[in-house]
Amino acid sequence: AQIYFTAWQAVPLISVLALGSGTLVIMQATSQLNVLGGTKMIGQLLVMIVIRELGPLLTALIVIARSGTAVASELGTMKINKETEALEALGIHPLSYIVFPRLLGGIISVLSLAVFFNFVAIMGGYLFSRVVLDIPFHFYFDSLSAALTLEDVGIFLLKNTFSGTIIFIVCCYQGLSVKQSPHEVPQVTMKAVVNSIIYVMTFNFAVTAIYYFSTLKNLGLI
């Protein structure tokens, strides 16, 4: 159920953002392609901007806005209605019954949405480059495959796995931190959103900074 609500229902929004992102990256780069190295740079631009950065970050923000808020408020309401206490009375640990399925489903959903985001963004970029720049299909994807490395795949998986994990841990924790008052639910929901955004963006920035620092170091530039 968590995968359905988090991933499947977010597909239309992800599609629009991804299509726009891929198109805008190529559109903005078009005027600078001659300076940057011609159309051969298209693949590198897509990898650097979309696959490494925009895909993981925008996917995480959408999941936080849609599912993170829902999870925090749902668990907060369950806590107020003493549903967690009822589970404990039946010998069922709330973490295994409430938290773990949401955590696992959330991680799978974030990874799936990020892969889908990249696919749509790449296709959107291709359609624009085909219509405007008349770039052949094989040239576009040869440029992309030449630019994509195992390091890029590793960074992509690392960012999205962490995002899915931290979003649902934070949101579940905040939801279950509600004491007795229903007025606490919107408060913990807001805390869940703010904390999730801070943690996700900080981690993404740290991974990117470490990657570029190590790249520059290997090139002997620092």
Protein backbone atom coordinates (compact mmCIF):
# COMPACT_ATOMS: atom_id res chain seq x y z
CA ALA A 1 0.00 0.00 0.00
CA GLN A 2 2.84 2.41 0.82
CA ILE A 3 4.41 1.86 -2.60
CA TYR A 4 1.06 2.51 -4.28
CA PHE A 5 0.42 5.77 -2.43
CA THR A 6 4.01 7.01 -2.50
CA ALA A 7 5.19 5.89 -5.93
CA TRP A 8 2.28 5.14 -8.23
CA GLN A 9 0.13 8.12 -7.28
CA ALA A 10 3.12 10.46 -7.68
CA VAL A 11 3.84 9.38 -11.26
CA PRO A 12 1.87 12.21 -12.96
CA LEU A 13 3.63 14.92 -10.95
CA ILE A 14 7.03 13.28 -11.39
CA SER A 15 6.40 12.99 -15.14
CA VAL A 16 5.67 16.70 -15.52
CA LEU A 17 8.69 17.79 -13.46
CA ALA A 18 11.02 15.32 -15.17
CA LEU A 19 9.88 16.26 -18.66
CA GLY A 20 10.34 19.93 -17.84
CA SER A 21 13.74 19.35 -16.25
CA GLY A 22 15.16 17.38 -19.17
CA THR A 23 13.83 19.88 -21.68
CA LEU A 24 15.06 22.92 -19.74
CA VAL A 25 18.56 21.48 -19.29
CA ILE A 26 18.97 21.03 -23.05
CA MET A 27 17.20 24.31 -23.81
CA GLN A 28 19.44 26.35 -21.51
CA ALA A 29 22.55 24.59 -22.75
CA THR A 30 21.74 25.01 -26.45
CA SER A 31 23.10 28.54 -26.69
CA GLN A 32 26.32 27.51 -24.92
CA LEU A 33 27.01 24.19 -26.64
CA ASN A 34 29.57 25.65 -29.03
CA VAL A 35 31.48 27.13 -26.10
CA LEU A 36 31.20 23.99 -23.97
CA GLY A 37 32.30 21.60 -26.70
CA GLY A 38 29.43 21.21 -29.10
CA THR A 39 26.63 18.66 -28.95
CA LYS A 40 29.00 16.06 -27.50
CA MET A 41 28.47 17.77 -24.14
CA ILE A 42 24.76 16.93 -24.05
CA GLY A 43 25.33 13.58 -22.34
CA GLN A 44 27.63 15.08 -19.71
CA LEU A 45 25.15 17.85 -18.96
CA LEU A 46 22.32 15.36 -18.47
CA VAL A 47 24.43 13.19 -16.19
CA MET A 48 25.82 16.08 -14.14
CA ILE A 49 22.59 18.02 -13.72
CA VAL A 50 19.72 15.55 -13.99
CA ILE A 51 20.99 12.13 -12.93
CA ARG A 52 23.36 13.24 -10.17
CA GLU A 53 21.49 16.23 -8.77
CA LEU A 54 17.97 17.05 -9.93
CA GLY A 55 16.62 13.49 -10.04
CA PRO A 56 17.43 12.56 -6.43
CA LEU A 57 16.62 15.99 -4.99
CA LEU A 58 13.31 16.69 -6.73
CA THR A 59 12.11 13.14 -6.14
CA ALA A 60 12.88 13.43 -2.43
CA LEU A 61 11.11 16.78 -2.14
CA ILE A 62 7.99 15.41 -3.84
CA VAL A 63 7.93 12.38 -1.55
CA ILE A 64 8.35 14.60 1.51
CA ALA A 65 5.54 16.90 0.41
CA ARG A 66 3.12 14.10 -0.50
CA SER A 67 3.91 11.04 1.57
CA GLY A 68 6.02 12.39 4.41
CA THR A 69 3.24 14.65 5.60
CA ALA A 70 0.67 11.86 5.23
CA VAL A 71 2.75 9.38 7.23
CA ALA A 72 3.48 11.83 10.05
CA SER A 73 -0.15 12.90 10.42
CA GLU A 74 -1.46 9.34 10.08
CA LEU A 75 0.83 7.97 12.78
CA GLY A 76 0.13 10.98 14.99
CA THR A 77 -3.60 10.32 14.72
CA MET A 78 -3.07 6.63 15.47
CA LYS A 79 -1.10 7.57 18.58
CA ILE A 80 -3.85 9.91 19.81
CA ASN A 81 -6.53 7.26 19.20
CA LYS A 82 -4.40 4.80 21.20
CA GLU A 83 -4.18 2.40 18.28
CA THR A 84 -0.50 1.81 19.03
CA GLU A 85 -1.39 0.86 22.60
CA ALA A 86 -4.00 -1.56 21.27
CA LEU A 87 -1.35 -3.21 19.09
CA GLU A 88 0.97 -3.57 22.08
CA ALA A 89 -1.87 -5.10 24.09
CA LEU A 90 -2.24 -7.71 21.34
CA GLY A 91 1.48 -8.45 21.52
CA ILE A 92 2.28 -6.70 18.24
CA HIS A 93 5.20 -4.29 18.28
CA PRO A 94 4.23 -0.99 16.60
CA LEU A 95 7.63 -0.71 14.92
CA SER A 96 7.28 -4.00 13.06
CA TYR A 97 3.62 -3.45 12.15
CA ILE A 98 3.50 0.30 11.49
CA VAL A 99 7.00 1.65 10.89
CA PHE A 100 8.93 -1.06 9.04
CA PRO A 101 6.42 -1.57 6.16
CA ARG A 102 6.32 2.19 5.59
CA LEU A 103 10.10 2.45 5.73
CA LEU A 104 10.68 -0.38 3.27
CA GLY A 105 7.92 0.79 0.95
CA GLY A 106 9.26 4.33 1.14
CA ILE A 107 12.79 3.35 0.14
CA ILE A 108 11.55 1.26 -2.79
CA SER A 109 9.23 4.10 -3.85
CA VAL A 110 11.94 6.77 -3.79
CA LEU A 111 14.31 4.61 -5.83
CA SER A 112 11.59 3.72 -8.33
CA LEU A 113 10.44 7.32 -8.72
CA ALA A 114 14.02 8.55 -9.17
CA VAL A 115 14.66 5.98 -11.92
CA PHE A 116 11.40 6.98 -13.60
CA PHE A 117 12.28 10.68 -13.23
CA ASN A 118 15.61 10.18 -14.99
CA PHE A 119 14.03 8.15 -17.78
CA VAL A 120 11.38 10.79 -18.51
CA ALA A 121 13.91 13.63 -18.21
CA ILE A 122 16.27 11.92 -20.65
CA MET A 123 13.46 11.29 -23.12
CA GLY A 124 12.26 14.88 -22.75
CA GLY A 125 15.76 16.13 -23.44
CA TYR A 126 16.00 13.89 -26.49
CA LEU A 127 12.70 15.11 -27.94
CA PHE A 128 13.77 18.73 -27.57
CA SER A 129 17.25 18.12 -28.98
CA ARG A 130 15.77 16.17 -31.89
CA VAL A 131 13.27 18.88 -32.80
CA VAL A 132 15.49 21.92 -32.19
CA LEU A 133 19.02 20.64 -32.83
CA ASP A 134 18.15 17.76 -35.17
CA ILE A 135 20.34 15.39 -33.16
CA PRO A 136 19.97 11.72 -34.18
CA PHE A 137 18.78 9.14 -31.66
CA HIS A 138 22.03 7.14 -31.67
CA PHE A 139 24.20 10.25 -31.21
CA TYR A 140 22.16 11.44 -28.24
CA PHE A 141 22.28 8.13 -26.40
CA ASP A 142 25.89 7.43 -27.36
CA SER A 143 26.78 10.76 -25.76
CA LEU A 144 24.76 9.87 -22.67
CA SER A 145 26.20 6.36 -22.29
CA ALA A 146 29.74 7.68 -22.74
CA ALA A 147 29.20 10.24 -19.97
CA LEU A 148 27.52 7.86 -17.51
CA THR A 149 29.92 5.99 -15.23
CA LEU A 150 29.63 3.50 -12.39
CA GLU A 151 30.40 6.34 -9.99
CA ASP A 152 27.32 8.19 -11.23
CA VAL A 153 25.18 5.10 -10.68
CA GLY A 154 26.65 4.66 -7.20
CA ILE A 155 25.96 8.30 -6.28
CA PHE A 156 22.42 7.98 -7.63
CA LEU A 157 21.71 4.86 -5.57
CA LEU A 158 23.37 6.29 -2.45
CA LYS A 159 21.44 9.56 -2.54
CA ASN A 160 18.06 7.96 -3.18
CA THR A 161 18.49 5.14 -0.67
CA PHE A 162 19.47 7.62 2.02
CA SER A 163 16.62 9.96 1.08
CA GLY A 164 14.02 7.21 1.30
CA THR A 165 15.42 5.98 4.60
CA ILE A 166 15.74 9.35 6.32
CA ILE A 167 12.38 10.70 5.10
CA PHE A 168 10.36 7.82 6.49
CA ILE A 169 12.38 7.42 9.68
CA VAL A 170 11.95 11.12 10.48
CA CYS A 171 8.26 11.18 9.56
CA CYS A 172 7.46 8.01 11.50
CA TYR A 173 9.40 9.26 14.52
CA GLN A 174 7.67 12.64 14.49
CA GLY A 175 4.26 11.03 14.06
CA LEU A 176 4.78 8.67 16.99
CA SER A 177 6.12 11.50 19.16
CA VAL A 178 2.60 12.89 19.59
CA LYS A 179 1.46 12.72 23.23
CA GLN A 180 -2.25 13.34 23.77
CA SER A 181 -3.47 16.51 22.08
CA PRO A 182 -4.77 16.51 18.47
CA HIS A 183 -3.23 19.97 18.14
CA GLU A 184 0.19 18.30 18.13
CA VAL A 185 -0.47 16.54 14.81
CA PRO A 186 0.05 19.55 12.50
CA GLN A 187 3.05 20.59 14.60
CA VAL A 188 4.84 17.25 14.28
CA THR A 189 3.90 17.11 10.59
CA MET A 190 5.61 20.44 10.02
CA LYS A 191 8.66 19.27 11.99
CA ALA A 192 8.80 16.11 9.89
CA VAL A 193 8.78 18.11 6.65
CA VAL A 194 11.38 20.65 7.78
CA ASN A 195 13.75 18.07 9.28
CA SER A 196 13.45 15.76 6.27
CA ILE A 197 14.27 18.58 3.85
CA ILE A 198 17.26 19.68 5.94
CA TYR A 199 18.69 16.15 6.25
CA VAL A 200 18.13 15.26 2.59
CA MET A 201 19.60 18.48 1.21
CA THR A 202 22.56 18.37 3.60
CA PHE A 203 23.37 14.79 2.62
CA ASN A 204 22.99 15.49 -1.10
CA PHE A 205 25.26 18.52 -0.84
CA ALA A 206 27.84 16.56 1.18
CA VAL A 207 27.94 13.68 -1.32
CA THR A 208 28.28 16.09 -4.25
CA ALA A 209 31.01 18.09 -2.51
CA ILE A 210 32.99 14.95 -1.62
CA TYR A 211 32.66 13.64 -5.18
CA TYR A 212 33.93 16.82 -6.81
CA PHE A 213 36.65 17.27 -4.21
CA SER A 214 37.96 13.74 -4.85
CA THR A 215 37.72 14.28 -8.62
CA LEU A 216 39.74 17.50 -8.45
CA LYS A 217 42.24 15.80 -6.16
CA ASN A 218 42.69 12.90 -8.58
CA LEU A 219 43.29 15.39 -11.38
CA GLY A 220 45.96 17.07 -9.28
CA LEU A 221 44.14 20.40 -9.25
CA ILE A 222 44.07 20.61 -5.45
